[in-house]
Amino acid sequence: MNNFLRSVTNSITKTYRKALSIKYDFVKHAHGGENAGNDTSEELLRNILKQRFPTANEITVKDVSGGCGAMYTVYIECSSFKGVPIVKQHKAVYEALDKQIKVIHGLRVETKAPP
């Protein structure tokens, strides 16, 4: 039984370390490397979306994971969405954030064309 508990503990420890490593890599990338400025991960995502949707009236990115960067909500209001199905609007957002999505837990997207 003792070996079993040791094995389970080691497995959990390895999984936890891997998760921390992935989070560290995302934060390091989000900040442009070890010696980057004061951008938060929210700001990084917002800047990427501003580049992809330059005509957007509003772009909001919020970390809804309690500050650990695991889950974000994104809201974009952009005239380029006018007449485009919501599925294609969301696909454009996911494509813009493709590299970042690989290292975060989840992303909730809301898009809208202005009235």
C-alpha atoms as a PDB file:
ATOM      1  CA  MET A   1       0.000   0.000   0.000  1.00  0.00           C
ATOM      2  CA  ASN A   2       2.866   2.364   0.801  1.00  0.00           C
ATOM      3  CA  ASN A   3       4.296   1.972  -2.727  1.00  0.00           C
ATOM      4  CA  PHE A   4       0.872   2.665  -4.191  1.00  0.00           C
ATOM      5  CA  LEU A   5       0.528   5.946  -2.269  1.00  0.00           C
ATOM      6  CA  ARG A   6       4.056   6.946  -3.224  1.00  0.00           C
ATOM      7  CA  SER A   7       3.254   6.221  -6.882  1.00  0.00           C
ATOM      8  CA  VAL A   8       0.040   8.269  -6.771  1.00  0.00           C
ATOM      9  CA  THR A   9       1.806  11.145  -5.014  1.00  0.00           C
ATOM     10  CA  ASN A  10       4.604  11.132  -7.591  1.00  0.00           C
ATOM     11  CA  SER A  11       2.087  11.111 -10.426  1.00  0.00           C
ATOM     12  CA  ILE A  12       0.158  14.053  -8.964  1.00  0.00           C
ATOM     13  CA  THR A  13       3.396  15.957  -8.354  1.00  0.00           C
ATOM     14  CA  LYS A  14       4.535  15.436 -11.956  1.00  0.00           C
ATOM     15  CA  THR A  15       1.151  16.568 -13.305  1.00  0.00           C
ATOM     16  CA  TYR A  16       1.182  19.668 -11.092  1.00  0.00           C
ATOM     17  CA  ARG A  17       4.742  20.562 -12.128  1.00  0.00           C
ATOM     18  CA  LYS A  18       3.807  20.151 -15.806  1.00  0.00           C
ATOM     19  CA  ALA A  19       0.788  22.453 -15.339  1.00  0.00           C
ATOM     20  CA  LEU A  20       2.977  25.064 -13.643  1.00  0.00           C
ATOM     21  CA  SER A  21       5.530  24.770 -16.435  1.00  0.00           C
ATOM     22  CA  ILE A  22       2.861  25.366 -19.089  1.00  0.00           C
ATOM     23  CA  LYS A  23       1.530  28.371 -17.140  1.00  0.00           C
ATOM     24  CA  TYR A  24       5.065  29.752 -16.740  1.00  0.00           C
ATOM     25  CA  ASP A  25       5.716  29.370 -20.482  1.00  0.00           C
ATOM     26  CA  PHE A  26       2.479  31.236 -21.290  1.00  0.00           C
ATOM     27  CA  VAL A  27       3.224  34.070 -18.883  1.00  0.00           C
ATOM     28  CA  LYS A  28       6.825  34.307 -20.107  1.00  0.00           C
ATOM     29  CA  HIS A  29       5.593  34.402 -23.720  1.00  0.00           C
ATOM     30  CA  ALA A  30       2.851  36.859 -22.809  1.00  0.00           C
ATOM     31  CA  HIS A  31       5.457  39.196 -21.387  1.00  0.00           C
ATOM     32  CA  GLY A  32       7.831  38.791 -24.312  1.00  0.00           C
ATOM     33  CA  GLY A  33      10.458  36.809 -22.408  1.00  0.00           C
ATOM     34  CA  GLU A  34      12.239  37.018 -19.095  1.00  0.00           C
ATOM     35  CA  ASN A  35      12.910  40.779 -19.136  1.00  0.00           C
ATOM     36  CA  ALA A  36       9.709  42.131 -20.616  1.00  0.00           C
ATOM     37  CA  GLY A  37       7.652  45.094 -19.470  1.00  0.00           C
ATOM     38  CA  ASN A  38       4.532  45.218 -17.323  1.00  0.00           C
ATOM     39  CA  ASP A  39       1.939  43.876 -19.799  1.00  0.00           C
ATOM     40  CA  THR A  40      -0.535  41.449 -18.300  1.00  0.00           C
ATOM     41  CA  SER A  41      -1.791  38.440 -20.173  1.00  0.00           C
ATOM     42  CA  GLU A  42      -5.096  40.293 -20.636  1.00  0.00           C
ATOM     43  CA  GLU A  43      -3.205  43.115 -22.316  1.00  0.00           C
ATOM     44  CA  LEU A  44      -1.348  40.703 -24.587  1.00  0.00           C
ATOM     45  CA  LEU A  45      -4.594  39.106 -25.760  1.00  0.00           C
ATOM     46  CA  ARG A  46      -6.218  42.527 -26.192  1.00  0.00           C
ATOM     47  CA  ASN A  47      -3.274  43.775 -28.280  1.00  0.00           C
ATOM     48  CA  ILE A  48      -3.377  40.712 -30.526  1.00  0.00           C
ATOM     49  CA  LEU A  49      -7.109  41.217 -31.051  1.00  0.00           C
ATOM     50  CA  LYS A  50      -6.629  44.943 -31.771  1.00  0.00           C
ATOM     51  CA  GLN A  51      -4.152  44.035 -34.504  1.00  0.00           C
ATOM     52  CA  ARG A  52      -6.528  41.457 -35.985  1.00  0.00           C
ATOM     53  CA  PHE A  53      -9.654  43.648 -35.676  1.00  0.00           C
ATOM     54  CA  PRO A  54      -8.368  47.238 -36.123  1.00  0.00           C
ATOM     55  CA  THR A  55     -11.850  48.653 -36.831  1.00  0.00           C
ATOM     56  CA  ALA A  56     -13.358  47.277 -33.611  1.00  0.00           C
ATOM     57  CA  ASN A  57     -15.415  49.736 -31.581  1.00  0.00           C
ATOM     58  CA  GLU A  58     -14.759  47.746 -28.421  1.00  0.00           C
ATOM     59  CA  ILE A  59     -12.448  44.917 -27.380  1.00  0.00           C
ATOM     60  CA  THR A  60     -12.665  43.647 -23.817  1.00  0.00           C
ATOM     61  CA  VAL A  61     -10.540  40.828 -22.389  1.00  0.00           C
ATOM     62  CA  LYS A  62     -11.053  39.672 -18.817  1.00  0.00           C
ATOM     63  CA  ASP A  63      -9.284  36.972 -16.821  1.00  0.00           C
ATOM     64  CA  VAL A  64     -12.170  35.127 -15.137  1.00  0.00           C
ATOM     65  CA  SER A  65     -10.001  32.487 -13.476  1.00  0.00           C
ATOM     66  CA  GLY A  66      -9.249  34.511 -10.389  1.00  0.00           C
ATOM     67  CA  GLY A  67      -6.095  36.012 -11.866  1.00  0.00           C
ATOM     68  CA  CYS A  68      -4.207  32.828 -12.720  1.00  0.00           C
ATOM     69  CA  GLY A  69      -4.679  33.209 -16.494  1.00  0.00           C
ATOM     70  CA  ALA A  70      -6.446  29.902 -17.071  1.00  0.00           C
ATOM     71  CA  MET A  71      -9.793  31.241 -18.365  1.00  0.00           C
ATOM     72  CA  TYR A  72     -10.640  34.418 -20.265  1.00  0.00           C
ATOM     73  CA  THR A  73     -13.741  36.084 -21.618  1.00  0.00           C
ATOM     74  CA  VAL A  74     -13.446  38.142 -24.786  1.00  0.00           C
ATOM     75  CA  TYR A  75     -15.987  40.638 -26.115  1.00  0.00           C
ATOM     76  CA  ILE A  76     -15.522  42.276 -29.518  1.00  0.00           C
ATOM     77  CA  GLU A  77     -17.836  44.721 -31.276  1.00  0.00           C
ATOM     78  CA  CYS A  78     -16.629  45.239 -34.830  1.00  0.00           C
ATOM     79  CA  SER A  79     -18.203  46.485 -38.062  1.00  0.00           C
ATOM     80  CA  SER A  80     -16.428  43.716 -39.992  1.00  0.00           C
ATOM     81  CA  PHE A  81     -18.793  41.267 -38.247  1.00  0.00           C
ATOM     82  CA  LYS A  82     -21.830  42.801 -39.960  1.00  0.00           C
ATOM     83  CA  GLY A  83     -23.624  40.071 -41.933  1.00  0.00           C
ATOM     84  CA  VAL A  84     -21.128  37.388 -40.837  1.00  0.00           C
ATOM     85  CA  PRO A  85     -22.544  34.341 -39.015  1.00  0.00           C
ATOM     86  CA  ILE A  86     -21.610  34.171 -35.321  1.00  0.00           C
ATOM     87  CA  VAL A  87     -19.764  30.880 -35.859  1.00  0.00           C
ATOM     88  CA  LYS A  88     -17.454  32.581 -38.393  1.00  0.00           C
ATOM     89  CA  GLN A  89     -17.012  35.597 -36.110  1.00  0.00           C
ATOM     90  CA  HIS A  90     -15.910  33.332 -33.265  1.00  0.00           C
ATOM     91  CA  LYS A  91     -13.683  31.310 -35.583  1.00  0.00           C
ATOM     92  CA  ALA A  92     -11.865  34.528 -36.562  1.00  0.00           C
ATOM     93  CA  VAL A  93     -11.256  35.298 -32.870  1.00  0.00           C
ATOM     94  CA  TYR A  94      -9.984  31.778 -32.157  1.00  0.00           C
ATOM     95  CA  GLU A  95      -7.680  31.943 -35.188  1.00  0.00           C
ATOM     96  CA  ALA A  96      -6.265  35.288 -34.016  1.00  0.00           C
ATOM     97  CA  LEU A  97      -5.483  33.780 -30.595  1.00  0.00           C
ATOM     98  CA  ASP A  98      -4.373  30.373 -31.878  1.00  0.00           C
ATOM     99  CA  LYS A  99      -0.963  30.319 -30.146  1.00  0.00           C
ATOM    100  CA  GLN A 100      -2.328  31.595 -26.836  1.00  0.00           C
ATOM    101  CA  ILE A 101      -5.284  29.185 -26.781  1.00  0.00           C
ATOM    102  CA  LYS A 102      -2.856  26.260 -26.760  1.00  0.00           C
ATOM    103  CA  VAL A 103      -1.638  27.169 -23.274  1.00  0.00           C
ATOM    104  CA  ILE A 104      -4.742  28.483 -21.505  1.00  0.00           C
ATOM    105  CA  HIS A 105      -7.572  26.383 -20.118  1.00  0.00           C
ATOM    106  CA  GLY A 106     -10.511  28.119 -21.742  1.00  0.00           C
ATOM    107  CA  LEU A 107     -11.809  31.052 -23.709  1.00  0.00           C
ATOM    108  CA  ARG A 108     -15.365  32.386 -23.759  1.00  0.00           C
ATOM    109  CA  VAL A 109     -16.079  34.566 -26.803  1.00  0.00           C
ATOM    110  CA  GLU A 110     -18.877  37.054 -27.480  1.00  0.00           C
ATOM    111  CA  THR A 111     -18.921  39.027 -30.721  1.00  0.00           C
ATOM    112  CA  LYS A 112     -21.294  41.627 -32.094  1.00  0.00           C
ATOM    113  CA  ALA A 113     -21.690  43.903 -35.087  1.00  0.00           C
ATOM    114  CA  PRO A 114     -22.498  47.512 -34.141  1.00  0.00           C
ATOM    115  CA  PRO A 115     -26.093  48.677 -34.672  1.00  0.00           C
END
